Amino acid sequence: MTLQELKELEDFFSKAGKQQVPIYLNEATVITDYDYFLESHFLPLKLNLDSKVNQPLLHRLKMLKLLVEANA
């Protein structure tokens, strides 16, 4: 993923508006604070997008995007 693609993902969430919580991404991941979830996932990615440690963050953001799109 490039910084441009990350920016596009961030723009998607800003345009989608705040979502109702809780959101269940899977059995182990429940989002109870939507804004905090986005902030805590985008910040590390902006600092080091290529880090393999940050790849689960990107995966969860993409999963959330699919859920938001499906419920739109």
PDB file of N, CA and C in Angstrom:
ATOM      1  N   MET A   1       0.850  -1.176   0.000  1.00  0.00           N
ATOM      2  CA  MET A   1       0.000   0.000   0.000  1.00  0.00           C
ATOM      3  C   MET A   1       0.894   1.237   0.000  1.00  0.00           C
ATOM      4  N   THR A   2       0.448   2.238  -0.733  1.00  0.00           N
ATOM      5  CA  THR A   2       1.191   3.495  -0.801  1.00  0.00           C
ATOM      6  C   THR A   2       0.551   4.519   0.138  1.00  0.00           C
ATOM      7  N   LEU A   3       1.260   5.606   0.359  1.00  0.00           N
ATOM      8  CA  LEU A   3       0.697   6.680   1.186  1.00  0.00           C
ATOM      9  C   LEU A   3      -0.563   7.262   0.541  1.00  0.00           C
ATOM     10  N   GLN A   4      -0.595   7.319  -0.783  1.00  0.00           N
ATOM     11  CA  GLN A   4      -1.779   7.818  -1.488  1.00  0.00           C
ATOM     12  C   GLN A   4      -2.985   6.910  -1.216  1.00  0.00           C
ATOM     13  N   GLU A   5      -2.775   5.607  -1.255  1.00  0.00           N
ATOM     14  CA  GLU A   5      -3.860   4.661  -0.983  1.00  0.00           C
ATOM     15  C   GLU A   5      -4.333   4.763   0.466  1.00  0.00           C
ATOM     16  N   LEU A   6      -3.391   4.985   1.379  1.00  0.00           N
ATOM     17  CA  LEU A   6      -3.745   5.176   2.777  1.00  0.00           C
ATOM     18  C   LEU A   6      -4.576   6.447   2.941  1.00  0.00           C
ATOM     19  N   LYS A   7      -4.206   7.494   2.234  1.00  0.00           N
ATOM     20  CA  LYS A   7      -4.964   8.750   2.272  1.00  0.00           C
ATOM     21  C   LYS A   7      -6.375   8.537   1.734  1.00  0.00           C
ATOM     22  N   GLU A   8      -6.499   7.767   0.676  1.00  0.00           N
ATOM     23  CA  GLU A   8      -7.821   7.474   0.109  1.00  0.00           C
ATOM     24  C   GLU A   8      -8.671   6.688   1.099  1.00  0.00           C
ATOM     25  N   LEU A   9      -8.059   5.763   1.820  1.00  0.00           N
ATOM     26  CA  LEU A   9      -8.773   4.998   2.840  1.00  0.00           C
ATOM     27  C   LEU A   9      -9.231   5.912   3.970  1.00  0.00           C
ATOM     28  N   GLU A  10      -8.358   6.822   4.364  1.00  0.00           N
ATOM     29  CA  GLU A  10      -8.705   7.782   5.413  1.00  0.00           C
ATOM     30  C   GLU A  10      -9.843   8.708   4.940  1.00  0.00           C
ATOM     31  N   ASP A  11      -9.783   9.133   3.694  1.00  0.00           N
ATOM     32  CA  ASP A  11     -10.851   9.974   3.128  1.00  0.00           C
ATOM     33  C   ASP A  11     -12.179   9.230   3.105  1.00  0.00           C
ATOM     34  N   PHE A  12     -12.135   7.948   2.791  1.00  0.00           N
ATOM     35  CA  PHE A  12     -13.359   7.148   2.788  1.00  0.00           C
ATOM     36  C   PHE A  12     -14.041   7.208   4.151  1.00  0.00           C
ATOM     37  N   PHE A  13     -13.263   6.988   5.219  1.00  0.00           N
ATOM     38  CA  PHE A  13     -13.844   6.972   6.559  1.00  0.00           C
ATOM     39  C   PHE A  13     -14.326   8.360   6.991  1.00  0.00           C
ATOM     40  N   SER A  14     -13.648   9.400   6.546  1.00  0.00           N
ATOM     41  CA  SER A  14     -14.109  10.741   6.908  1.00  0.00           C
ATOM     42  C   SER A  14     -15.427  11.069   6.212  1.00  0.00           C
ATOM     43  N   LYS A  15     -15.607  10.585   4.987  1.00  0.00           N
ATOM     44  CA  LYS A  15     -16.849  10.830   4.248  1.00  0.00           C
ATOM     45  C   LYS A  15     -17.979   9.909   4.703  1.00  0.00           C
ATOM     46  N   ALA A  16     -17.634   8.726   5.187  1.00  0.00           N
ATOM     47  CA  ALA A  16     -18.650   7.746   5.597  1.00  0.00           C
ATOM     48  C   ALA A  16     -19.367   8.177   6.868  1.00  0.00           C
ATOM     49  N   GLY A  17     -18.728   9.038   7.641  1.00  0.00           N
ATOM     50  CA  GLY A  17     -19.343   9.491   8.884  1.00  0.00           C
ATOM     51  C   GLY A  17     -19.182   8.470   9.988  1.00  0.00           C
ATOM     52  N   LYS A  18     -19.555   8.887  11.179  1.00  0.00           N
ATOM     53  CA  LYS A  18     -19.415   8.024  12.341  1.00  0.00           C
ATOM     54  C   LYS A  18     -20.428   6.882  12.273  1.00  0.00           C
ATOM     55  N   GLN A  19     -19.976   5.698  12.587  1.00  0.00           N
ATOM     56  CA  GLN A  19     -20.809   4.500  12.524  1.00  0.00           C
ATOM     57  C   GLN A  19     -21.328   4.122  13.908  1.00  0.00           C
ATOM     58  N   GLN A  20     -22.425   3.402  13.918  1.00  0.00           N
ATOM     59  CA  GLN A  20     -22.988   2.903  15.171  1.00  0.00           C
ATOM     60  C   GLN A  20     -22.063   1.825  15.740  1.00  0.00           C
ATOM     61  N   VAL A  21     -21.861   1.843  17.038  1.00  0.00           N
ATOM     62  CA  VAL A  21     -21.061   0.819  17.704  1.00  0.00           C
ATOM     63  C   VAL A  21     -21.967   0.023  18.624  1.00  0.00           C
ATOM     64  N   PRO A  22     -21.660  -1.165  18.996  1.00  0.00           N
ATOM     65  CA  PRO A  22     -20.433  -1.897  18.659  1.00  0.00           C
ATOM     66  C   PRO A  22     -20.463  -2.445  17.234  1.00  0.00           C
ATOM     67  N   ILE A  23     -19.263  -2.573  16.675  1.00  0.00           N
ATOM     68  CA  ILE A  23     -19.086  -3.169  15.360  1.00  0.00           C
ATOM     69  C   ILE A  23     -18.223  -4.413  15.563  1.00  0.00           C
ATOM     70  N   TYR A  24     -18.694  -5.527  15.080  1.00  0.00           N
ATOM     71  CA  TYR A  24     -17.968  -6.784  15.205  1.00  0.00           C
ATOM     72  C   TYR A  24     -17.261  -7.088  13.885  1.00  0.00           C
ATOM     73  N   LEU A  25     -15.927  -6.945  13.889  1.00  0.00           N
ATOM     74  CA  LEU A  25     -15.159  -7.281  12.693  1.00  0.00           C
ATOM     75  C   LEU A  25     -15.021  -8.788  12.551  1.00  0.00           C
ATOM     76  N   ASN A  26     -14.858  -9.439  13.679  1.00  0.00           N
ATOM     77  CA  ASN A  26     -14.804 -10.898  13.747  1.00  0.00           C
ATOM     78  C   ASN A  26     -15.072 -11.288  15.194  1.00  0.00           C
ATOM     79  N   GLU A  27     -14.921 -12.554  15.525  1.00  0.00           N
ATOM     80  CA  GLU A  27     -15.228 -13.016  16.871  1.00  0.00           C
ATOM     81  C   GLU A  27     -14.336 -12.376  17.936  1.00  0.00           C
ATOM     82  N   ALA A  28     -13.138 -11.981  17.559  1.00  0.00           N
ATOM     83  CA  ALA A  28     -12.188 -11.451  18.527  1.00  0.00           C
ATOM     84  C   ALA A  28     -12.030  -9.940  18.489  1.00  0.00           C
ATOM     85  N   THR A  29     -12.602  -9.274  17.498  1.00  0.00           N
ATOM     86  CA  THR A  29     -12.408  -7.836  17.341  1.00  0.00           C
ATOM     87  C   THR A  29     -13.745  -7.106  17.355  1.00  0.00           C
ATOM     88  N   VAL A  30     -13.951  -6.361  18.445  1.00  0.00           N
ATOM     89  CA  VAL A  30     -15.171  -5.575  18.598  1.00  0.00           C
ATOM     90  C   VAL A  30     -14.773  -4.110  18.736  1.00  0.00           C
ATOM     91  N   ILE A  31     -15.348  -3.256  17.921  1.00  0.00           N
ATOM     92  CA  ILE A  31     -15.068  -1.827  17.983  1.00  0.00           C
ATOM     93  C   ILE A  31     -16.143  -1.188  18.858  1.00  0.00           C
ATOM     94  N   THR A  32     -15.715  -0.615  19.972  1.00  0.00           N
ATOM     95  CA  THR A  32     -16.653   0.057  20.870  1.00  0.00           C
ATOM     96  C   THR A  32     -16.502   1.569  20.833  1.00  0.00           C
ATOM     97  N   ASP A  33     -15.358   2.057  20.354  1.00  0.00           N
ATOM     98  CA  ASP A  33     -15.110   3.491  20.200  1.00  0.00           C
ATOM     99  C   ASP A  33     -14.601   3.712  18.776  1.00  0.00           C
ATOM    100  N   TYR A  34     -15.499   4.092  17.898  1.00  0.00           N
ATOM    101  CA  TYR A  34     -15.210   4.203  16.469  1.00  0.00           C
ATOM    102  C   TYR A  34     -14.070   5.187  16.190  1.00  0.00           C
ATOM    103  N   ASP A  35     -14.151   6.382  16.752  1.00  0.00           N
ATOM    104  CA  ASP A  35     -13.123   7.402  16.499  1.00  0.00           C
ATOM    105  C   ASP A  35     -11.756   6.951  16.988  1.00  0.00           C
ATOM    106  N   TYR A  36     -11.714   6.348  18.172  1.00  0.00           N
ATOM    107  CA  TYR A  36     -10.444   5.878  18.724  1.00  0.00           C
ATOM    108  C   TYR A  36      -9.873   4.750  17.860  1.00  0.00           C
ATOM    109  N   PHE A  37     -10.730   3.870  17.398  1.00  0.00           N
ATOM    110  CA  PHE A  37     -10.283   2.778  16.526  1.00  0.00           C
ATOM    111  C   PHE A  37      -9.578   3.340  15.297  1.00  0.00           C
ATOM    112  N   LEU A  38     -10.219   4.291  14.630  1.00  0.00           N
ATOM    113  CA  LEU A  38      -9.621   4.869  13.423  1.00  0.00           C
ATOM    114  C   LEU A  38      -8.308   5.572  13.742  1.00  0.00           C
ATOM    115  N   GLU A  39      -8.301   6.375  14.800  1.00  0.00           N
ATOM    116  CA  GLU A  39      -7.088   7.107  15.180  1.00  0.00           C
ATOM    117  C   GLU A  39      -5.949   6.149  15.514  1.00  0.00           C
ATOM    118  N   SER A  40      -6.242   5.115  16.286  1.00  0.00           N
ATOM    119  CA  SER A  40      -5.205   4.187  16.723  1.00  0.00           C
ATOM    120  C   SER A  40      -4.702   3.300  15.594  1.00  0.00           C
ATOM    121  N   HIS A  41      -5.429   3.233  14.502  1.00  0.00           N
ATOM    122  CA  HIS A  41      -4.977   2.435  13.366  1.00  0.00           C
ATOM    123  C   HIS A  41      -4.271   3.292  12.309  1.00  0.00           C
ATOM    124  N   PHE A  42      -4.765   4.492  12.071  1.00  0.00           N
ATOM    125  CA  PHE A  42      -4.144   5.329  11.051  1.00  0.00           C
ATOM    126  C   PHE A  42      -2.807   5.923  11.503  1.00  0.00           C
ATOM    127  N   LEU A  43      -2.688   6.304  12.745  1.00  0.00           N
ATOM    128  CA  LEU A  43      -1.454   6.953  13.209  1.00  0.00           C
ATOM    129  C   LEU A  43      -0.216   6.074  13.008  1.00  0.00           C
ATOM    130  N   PRO A  44      -0.191   4.829  13.490  1.00  0.00           N
ATOM    131  CA  PRO A  44       1.007   4.008  13.254  1.00  0.00           C
ATOM    132  C   PRO A  44       1.270   3.753  11.775  1.00  0.00           C
ATOM    133  N   LEU A  45       0.212   3.626  10.990  1.00  0.00           N
ATOM    134  CA  LEU A  45       0.399   3.402   9.551  1.00  0.00           C
ATOM    135  C   LEU A  45       1.026   4.617   8.882  1.00  0.00           C
ATOM    136  N   LYS A  46       0.623   5.807   9.293  1.00  0.00           N
ATOM    137  CA  LYS A  46       1.212   7.025   8.723  1.00  0.00           C
ATOM    138  C   LYS A  46       2.687   7.136   9.088  1.00  0.00           C
ATOM    139  N   LEU A  47       3.033   6.693  10.281  1.00  0.00           N
ATOM    140  CA  LEU A  47       4.416   6.792  10.730  1.00  0.00           C
ATOM    141  C   LEU A  47       5.321   5.770  10.049  1.00  0.00           C
ATOM    142  N   ASN A  48       4.804   4.580   9.794  1.00  0.00           N
ATOM    143  CA  ASN A  48       5.623   3.543   9.171  1.00  0.00           C
ATOM    144  C   ASN A  48       4.721   2.564   8.422  1.00  0.00           C
ATOM    145  N   LEU A  49       4.364   2.927   7.236  1.00  0.00           N
ATOM    146  CA  LEU A  49       3.419   2.150   6.438  1.00  0.00           C
ATOM    147  C   LEU A  49       3.959   0.775   6.064  1.00  0.00           C
ATOM    148  N   ASP A  50       5.253   0.671   5.848  1.00  0.00           N
ATOM    149  CA  ASP A  50       5.838  -0.574   5.357  1.00  0.00           C
ATOM    150  C   ASP A  50       6.167  -1.591   6.445  1.00  0.00           C
ATOM    151  N   SER A  51       6.006  -1.217   7.691  1.00  0.00           N
ATOM    152  CA  SER A  51       6.333  -2.122   8.787  1.00  0.00           C
ATOM    153  C   SER A  51       5.390  -3.322   8.784  1.00  0.00           C
ATOM    154  N   LYS A  52       5.951  -4.499   8.875  1.00  0.00           N
ATOM    155  CA  LYS A  52       5.130  -5.711   8.915  1.00  0.00           C
ATOM    156  C   LYS A  52       4.298  -5.778  10.189  1.00  0.00           C
ATOM    157  N   VAL A  53       4.747  -5.128  11.239  1.00  0.00           N
ATOM    158  CA  VAL A  53       4.007  -5.099  12.497  1.00  0.00           C
ATOM    159  C   VAL A  53       2.678  -4.372  12.314  1.00  0.00           C
ATOM    160  N   ASN A  54       2.644  -3.402  11.416  1.00  0.00           N
ATOM    161  CA  ASN A  54       1.439  -2.598  11.196  1.00  0.00           C
ATOM    162  C   ASN A  54       0.457  -3.214  10.200  1.00  0.00           C
ATOM    163  N   GLN A  55       0.797  -4.307   9.579  1.00  0.00           N
ATOM    164  CA  GLN A  55      -0.073  -4.897   8.565  1.00  0.00           C
ATOM    165  C   GLN A  55      -1.428  -5.348   9.120  1.00  0.00           C
ATOM    166  N   PRO A  56      -1.507  -5.878  10.357  1.00  0.00           N
ATOM    167  CA  PRO A  56      -2.834  -6.197  10.902  1.00  0.00           C
ATOM    168  C   PRO A  56      -3.734  -4.963  11.038  1.00  0.00           C
ATOM    169  N   LEU A  57      -3.135  -3.806  11.285  1.00  0.00           N
ATOM    170  CA  LEU A  57      -3.914  -2.571  11.370  1.00  0.00           C
ATOM    171  C   LEU A  57      -4.568  -2.281  10.026  1.00  0.00           C
ATOM    172  N   LEU A  58      -3.803  -2.424   8.987  1.00  0.00           N
ATOM    173  CA  LEU A  58      -4.311  -2.189   7.641  1.00  0.00           C
ATOM    174  C   LEU A  58      -5.405  -3.193   7.303  1.00  0.00           C
ATOM    175  N   HIS A  59      -5.196  -4.432   7.675  1.00  0.00           N
ATOM    176  CA  HIS A  59      -6.193  -5.472   7.423  1.00  0.00           C
ATOM    177  C   HIS A  59      -7.516  -5.150   8.126  1.00  0.00           C
ATOM    178  N   ARG A  60      -7.457  -4.729   9.384  1.00  0.00           N
ATOM    179  CA  ARG A  60      -8.681  -4.394  10.123  1.00  0.00           C
ATOM    180  C   ARG A  60      -9.382  -3.185   9.517  1.00  0.00           C
ATOM    181  N   LEU A  61      -8.625  -2.196   9.059  1.00  0.00           N
ATOM    182  CA  LEU A  61      -9.242  -1.031   8.409  1.00  0.00           C
ATOM    183  C   LEU A  61      -9.964  -1.436   7.129  1.00  0.00           C
ATOM    184  N   LYS A  62      -9.362  -2.321   6.364  1.00  0.00           N
ATOM    185  CA  LYS A  62      -9.996  -2.780   5.126  1.00  0.00           C
ATOM    186  C   LYS A  62     -11.252  -3.590   5.430  1.00  0.00           C
ATOM    187  N   MET A  63     -11.210  -4.395   6.489  1.00  0.00           N
ATOM    188  CA  MET A  63     -12.399  -5.156   6.887  1.00  0.00           C
ATOM    189  C   MET A  63     -13.520  -4.209   7.293  1.00  0.00           C
ATOM    190  N   LEU A  64     -13.179  -3.169   8.052  1.00  0.00           N
ATOM    191  CA  LEU A  64     -14.173  -2.194   8.473  1.00  0.00           C
ATOM    192  C   LEU A  64     -14.752  -1.467   7.263  1.00  0.00           C
ATOM    193  N   LYS A  65     -13.913  -1.137   6.298  1.00  0.00           N
ATOM    194  CA  LYS A  65     -14.400  -0.464   5.088  1.00  0.00           C
ATOM    195  C   LYS A  65     -15.423  -1.335   4.378  1.00  0.00           C
ATOM    196  N   LEU A  66     -15.162  -2.622   4.270  1.00  0.00           N
ATOM    197  CA  LEU A  66     -16.112  -3.529   3.629  1.00  0.00           C
ATOM    198  C   LEU A  66     -17.440  -3.556   4.370  1.00  0.00           C
ATOM    199  N   LEU A  67     -17.392  -3.566   5.701  1.00  0.00           N
ATOM    200  CA  LEU A  67     -18.623  -3.562   6.495  1.00  0.00           C
ATOM    201  C   LEU A  67     -19.411  -2.273   6.312  1.00  0.00           C
ATOM    202  N   VAL A  68     -18.711  -1.148   6.303  1.00  0.00           N
ATOM    203  CA  VAL A  68     -19.371   0.147   6.141  1.00  0.00           C
ATOM    204  C   VAL A  68     -20.029   0.219   4.760  1.00  0.00           C
ATOM    205  N   GLU A  69     -19.298  -0.234   3.733  1.00  0.00           N
ATOM    206  CA  GLU A  69     -19.858  -0.228   2.381  1.00  0.00           C
ATOM    207  C   GLU A  69     -21.075  -1.151   2.262  1.00  0.00           C
ATOM    208  N   ALA A  70     -21.005  -2.295   2.919  1.00  0.00           N
ATOM    209  CA  ALA A  70     -22.099  -3.254   2.846  1.00  0.00           C
ATOM    210  C   ALA A  70     -23.354  -2.744   3.546  1.00  0.00           C
ATOM    211  N   ASN A  71     -23.176  -1.910   4.554  1.00  0.00           N
ATOM    212  CA  ASN A  71     -24.310  -1.413   5.321  1.00  0.00           C
ATOM    213  C   ASN A  71     -24.780  -0.037   4.868  1.00  0.00           C
ATOM    214  N   ALA A  72     -24.177   0.476   3.801  1.00  0.00           N
ATOM    215  CA  ALA A  72     -24.551   1.821   3.318  1.00  0.00           C
ATOM    216  C   ALA A  72     -25.853   1.789   2.561  1.00  0.00           C
TER     217      ALA A  72
END
